[in-house]
Amino acid sequence: SHLKIHGDIVTTITHFLYQFWRNYFSEDISTVT
């Protein structure tokens, strides 16, 4: 269960960072693409 909780934390953090990165660089990405 410890690995399950650790996996959930990693998934949550990864999703948060992805959302933050996408929002922060959304203008740059839309400009490049």
PDB file of N, CA and C in Angstrom:
ATOM      1  N   SER A   1       0.846  -1.209   0.000  1.00  0.00           N
ATOM      2  CA  SER A   1       0.000   0.000   0.000  1.00  0.00           C
ATOM      3  C   SER A   1       0.870   1.244   0.000  1.00  0.00           C
ATOM      4  N   HIS A   2       2.092   1.094   0.521  1.00  0.00           N
ATOM      5  CA  HIS A   2       2.993   2.246   0.566  1.00  0.00           C
ATOM      6  C   HIS A   2       3.365   2.669  -0.856  1.00  0.00           C
ATOM      7  N   LEU A   3       3.618   1.676  -1.721  1.00  0.00           N
ATOM      8  CA  LEU A   3       3.963   1.991  -3.104  1.00  0.00           C
ATOM      9  C   LEU A   3       2.761   2.609  -3.814  1.00  0.00           C
ATOM     10  N   LYS A   4       1.561   2.141  -3.471  1.00  0.00           N
ATOM     11  CA  LYS A   4       0.348   2.679  -4.095  1.00  0.00           C
ATOM     12  C   LYS A   4       0.198   4.154  -3.745  1.00  0.00           C
ATOM     13  N   ILE A   5       0.396   4.474  -2.459  1.00  0.00           N
ATOM     14  CA  ILE A   5       0.285   5.872  -2.033  1.00  0.00           C
ATOM     15  C   ILE A   5       1.372   6.711  -2.703  1.00  0.00           C
ATOM     16  N   HIS A   6       2.587   6.176  -2.760  1.00  0.00           N
ATOM     17  CA  HIS A   6       3.694   6.892  -3.386  1.00  0.00           C
ATOM     18  C   HIS A   6       3.379   7.145  -4.863  1.00  0.00           C
ATOM     19  N   GLY A   7       2.799   6.147  -5.524  1.00  0.00           N
ATOM     20  CA  GLY A   7       2.450   6.298  -6.923  1.00  0.00           C
ATOM     21  C   GLY A   7       1.386   7.373  -7.113  1.00  0.00           C
ATOM     22  N   ASP A   8       0.420   7.416  -6.201  1.00  0.00           N
ATOM     23  CA  ASP A   8      -0.628   8.430  -6.301  1.00  0.00           C
ATOM     24  C   ASP A   8      -0.053   9.828  -6.133  1.00  0.00           C
ATOM     25  N   ILE A   9       0.913   9.958  -5.203  1.00  0.00           N
ATOM     26  CA  ILE A   9       1.543  11.259  -4.973  1.00  0.00           C
ATOM     27  C   ILE A   9       2.318  11.693  -6.214  1.00  0.00           C
ATOM     28  N   VAL A  10       3.069  10.766  -6.792  1.00  0.00           N
ATOM     29  CA  VAL A  10       3.854  11.082  -7.989  1.00  0.00           C
ATOM     30  C   VAL A  10       2.923  11.480  -9.128  1.00  0.00           C
ATOM     31  N   THR A  11       1.823  10.740  -9.280  1.00  0.00           N
ATOM     32  CA  THR A  11       0.866  11.044 -10.338  1.00  0.00           C
ATOM     33  C   THR A  11       0.272  12.428 -10.132  1.00  0.00           C
ATOM     34  N   THR A  12      -0.077  12.747  -8.881  1.00  0.00           N
ATOM     35  CA  THR A  12      -0.677  14.053  -8.577  1.00  0.00           C
ATOM     36  C   THR A  12       0.307  15.182  -8.849  1.00  0.00           C
ATOM     37  N   ILE A  13       1.552  15.002  -8.410  1.00  0.00           N
ATOM     38  CA  ILE A  13       2.574  16.030  -8.611  1.00  0.00           C
ATOM     39  C   ILE A  13       2.862  16.199 -10.101  1.00  0.00           C
ATOM     40  N   THR A  14       2.978  15.079 -10.811  1.00  0.00           N
ATOM     41  CA  THR A  14       3.251  15.145 -12.246  1.00  0.00           C
ATOM     42  C   THR A  14       2.136  15.874 -12.971  1.00  0.00           C
ATOM     43  N   HIS A  15       0.890  15.565 -12.603  1.00  0.00           N
ATOM     44  CA  HIS A  15      -0.251  16.214 -13.242  1.00  0.00           C
ATOM     45  C   HIS A  15      -0.256  17.707 -12.932  1.00  0.00           C
ATOM     46  N   PHE A  16       0.080  18.069 -11.675  1.00  0.00           N
ATOM     47  CA  PHE A  16       0.114  19.469 -11.284  1.00  0.00           C
ATOM     48  C   PHE A  16       1.193  20.222 -12.061  1.00  0.00           C
ATOM     49  N   LEU A  17       2.381  19.616 -12.155  1.00  0.00           N
ATOM     50  CA  LEU A  17       3.475  20.261 -12.880  1.00  0.00           C
ATOM     51  C   LEU A  17       3.132  20.407 -14.359  1.00  0.00           C
ATOM     52  N   TYR A  18       2.451  19.380 -14.925  1.00  0.00           N
ATOM     53  CA  TYR A  18       2.068  19.438 -16.326  1.00  0.00           C
ATOM     54  C   TYR A  18       1.089  20.583 -16.566  1.00  0.00           C
ATOM     55  N   GLN A  19       0.100  20.702 -15.689  1.00  0.00           N
ATOM     56  CA  GLN A  19      -0.881  21.780 -15.829  1.00  0.00           C
ATOM     57  C   GLN A  19      -0.194  23.142 -15.700  1.00  0.00           C
ATOM     58  N   PHE A  20       0.721  23.257 -14.713  1.00  0.00           N
ATOM     59  CA  PHE A  20       1.429  24.512 -14.500  1.00  0.00           C
ATOM     60  C   PHE A  20       2.299  24.840 -15.703  1.00  0.00           C
ATOM     61  N   TRP A  21       3.024  23.833 -16.210  1.00  0.00           N
ATOM     62  CA  TRP A  21       3.913  24.045 -17.358  1.00  0.00           C
ATOM     63  C   TRP A  21       3.102  24.439 -18.589  1.00  0.00           C
ATOM     64  N   ARG A  22       1.986  23.752 -18.815  1.00  0.00           N
ATOM     65  CA  ARG A  22       1.156  24.034 -19.985  1.00  0.00           C
ATOM     66  C   ARG A  22       0.572  25.438 -19.894  1.00  0.00           C
ATOM     67  N   ASN A  23       0.149  25.839 -18.709  1.00  0.00           N
ATOM     68  CA  ASN A  23      -0.427  27.172 -18.546  1.00  0.00           C
ATOM     69  C   ASN A  23       0.642  28.249 -18.660  1.00  0.00           C
ATOM     70  N   TYR A  24       1.834  27.967 -18.125  1.00  0.00           N
ATOM     71  CA  TYR A  24       2.905  28.952 -18.097  1.00  0.00           C
ATOM     72  C   TYR A  24       3.493  29.180 -19.481  1.00  0.00           C
ATOM     73  N   PHE A  25       3.571  28.091 -20.259  1.00  0.00           N
ATOM     74  CA  PHE A  25       4.187  28.180 -21.577  1.00  0.00           C
ATOM     75  C   PHE A  25       3.163  28.109 -22.705  1.00  0.00           C
ATOM     76  N   SER A  26       1.877  28.241 -22.356  1.00  0.00           N
ATOM     77  CA  SER A  26       0.826  28.076 -23.367  1.00  0.00           C
ATOM     78  C   SER A  26       1.025  29.066 -24.516  1.00  0.00           C
ATOM     79  N   GLU A  27       1.395  30.290 -24.196  1.00  0.00           N
ATOM     80  CA  GLU A  27       1.572  31.294 -25.237  1.00  0.00           C
ATOM     81  C   GLU A  27       2.768  30.962 -26.121  1.00  0.00           C
ATOM     82  N   ASP A  28       3.873  30.519 -25.498  1.00  0.00           N
ATOM     83  CA  ASP A  28       5.070  30.175 -26.261  1.00  0.00           C
ATOM     84  C   ASP A  28       4.808  28.977 -27.164  1.00  0.00           C
ATOM     85  N   ILE A  29       4.099  27.989 -26.641  1.00  0.00           N
ATOM     86  CA  ILE A  29       3.817  26.794 -27.431  1.00  0.00           C
ATOM     87  C   ILE A  29       2.933  27.160 -28.621  1.00  0.00           C
ATOM     88  N   SER A  30       1.916  27.952 -28.385  1.00  0.00           N
ATOM     89  CA  SER A  30       1.007  28.316 -29.474  1.00  0.00           C
ATOM     90  C   SER A  30       1.743  29.145 -30.526  1.00  0.00           C
ATOM     91  N   THR A  31       2.750  29.880 -30.081  1.00  0.00           N
ATOM     92  CA  THR A  31       3.518  30.684 -31.024  1.00  0.00           C
ATOM     93  C   THR A  31       4.444  29.805 -31.854  1.00  0.00           C
ATOM     94  N   VAL A  32       5.091  28.833 -31.205  1.00  0.00           N
ATOM     95  CA  VAL A  32       6.025  27.944 -31.903  1.00  0.00           C
ATOM     96  C   VAL A  32       5.268  27.056 -32.885  1.00  0.00           C
ATOM     97  N   THR A  33       4.167  26.473 -32.404  1.00  0.00           N
ATOM     98  CA  THR A  33       3.388  25.587 -33.257  1.00  0.00           C
ATOM     99  C   THR A  33       2.380  26.438 -33.982  1.00  0.00           C
TER     100      THR A  33
END
